[in-house]
Protein backbone atom coordinates (compact mmCIF):
# COMPACT_ATOMS: atom_id res chain seq x y z
CA MET A 1 70.44 104.08 83.36
CA LEU A 2 72.11 107.33 84.36
CA SER A 3 73.66 109.44 81.63
CA LYS A 4 77.33 110.41 81.58
CA GLU A 5 76.37 114.00 82.41
CA GLU A 6 74.37 112.87 85.45
CA VAL A 7 77.32 110.83 86.71
CA LYS A 8 79.65 113.80 86.24
CA ASN A 9 77.20 116.04 88.11
CA ILE A 10 76.91 113.56 91.00
CA ALA A 11 80.71 113.35 91.18
CA LEU A 12 80.89 117.16 91.23
CA LEU A 13 78.29 117.40 94.01
CA ALA A 14 80.11 114.70 96.00
CA ARG A 15 83.41 116.47 95.37
CA ILE A 16 85.07 113.37 94.04
CA GLY A 17 87.22 113.32 90.97
CA ILE A 18 86.51 110.64 88.43
CA LYS A 19 88.31 109.95 85.21
CA ASP A 20 86.50 109.62 81.89
CA LYS A 21 87.33 105.92 81.72
CA GLU A 22 85.59 105.37 85.09
CA ILE A 23 82.28 106.97 84.08
CA ASP A 24 80.83 103.81 82.51
CA ARG A 25 81.52 101.80 85.66
CA TYR A 26 79.91 104.51 87.83
CA ARG A 27 76.91 104.65 85.47
CA LYS A 28 76.35 100.94 85.99
CA ASP A 29 76.97 100.93 89.76
CA LEU A 30 74.96 104.06 90.59
CA SER A 31 72.09 102.93 88.38
CA ALA A 32 71.99 99.58 90.20
CA ILE A 33 71.81 101.41 93.54
CA LEU A 34 69.00 103.66 92.36
CA ASP A 35 67.13 100.67 90.91
CA PHE A 36 67.31 99.03 94.33
CA PHE A 37 65.69 102.11 95.90
CA CYS A 38 62.91 101.88 93.31
CA GLU A 39 62.47 98.25 94.35
CA LEU A 40 62.21 99.31 98.00
CA GLU A 41 59.42 101.75 97.12
CA SER A 42 57.25 98.79 96.12
CA VAL A 43 57.48 97.17 99.57
CA ALA A 44 54.20 97.33 101.46
CA THR A 45 54.74 99.36 104.63
CA ASP A 46 51.15 100.31 105.44
CA ASP A 47 51.02 98.10 108.55
CA VAL A 48 54.46 99.12 109.84
CA GLU A 49 54.44 101.53 112.77
CA PRO A 50 56.89 104.42 112.33
CA ILE A 51 59.62 104.69 114.94
CA GLY A 52 61.98 107.51 115.80
CA HIS A 53 64.68 105.50 117.53
CA ILE A 54 65.26 101.78 117.18
CA THR A 55 66.60 101.16 120.70
CA GLY A 56 63.74 102.86 122.53
CA THR A 57 66.25 104.64 124.79
CA THR A 58 65.19 108.11 125.89
CA GLY A 59 66.95 110.73 128.00
CA ALA A 60 70.32 108.99 128.05
CA ALA A 61 72.37 112.11 128.70
CA ARG A 62 75.18 111.88 131.21
CA ALA A 63 75.54 114.26 134.14
CA ASP A 64 77.64 117.33 133.38
CA VAL A 65 80.29 117.10 136.07
CA THR A 66 83.92 118.13 136.24
CA VAL A 67 86.75 115.74 136.99
CA ALA A 68 89.84 116.97 138.79
CA PHE A 69 93.05 115.81 137.10
CA GLY A 70 95.37 117.33 139.66
CA ASP A 71 98.54 119.26 138.85
CA ALA A 72 100.31 116.21 137.43
CA GLY A 73 97.40 115.48 135.09
CA VAL A 74 97.25 119.06 133.86
CA ARG A 75 101.01 119.03 133.19
CA ASP A 76 100.64 115.78 131.23
CA ILE A 77 97.84 117.25 129.13
CA LEU A 78 99.75 120.46 128.46
CA LYS A 79 102.73 118.45 127.18
CA ASN A 80 100.66 117.69 124.06
CA VAL A 81 99.66 121.31 123.38
CA PRO A 82 101.42 122.89 120.41
CA GLU A 83 101.65 126.38 121.96
CA LEU A 84 101.05 128.00 125.36
CA LYS A 85 100.72 131.68 126.29
CA ASN A 86 100.72 132.76 129.94
CA GLY A 87 99.83 129.24 131.04
CA PHE A 88 96.87 128.97 128.66
CA ILE A 89 96.49 127.02 125.44
CA LYS A 90 97.00 129.37 122.50
CA VAL A 91 94.63 128.81 119.56
CA LYS A 92 94.05 130.60 116.27
CA SER A 93 91.57 133.44 116.39
CA VAL A 94 88.10 132.67 115.06
CA PHE A 95 87.32 136.08 113.62
């Protein structure tokens, strides 16, 4: 079973706040999850062929094409923009 310190460290790494009264419940629940992974390690997988993608789909990228919205469509889109400058969408600087 996980120690209280291990549970606190996991919570810190996951950036979740837990109260001291919740630690015992997390110890039990997280330990059960880790025990299940230990159980999975004992499953015989020697005859199982590794796969990279379960659907078998390859090269399913769409064509990179533009779609004309027309002036009315552009006006409708720009209605939702918080701020415009010289007809362009104004965004915060990155650098």
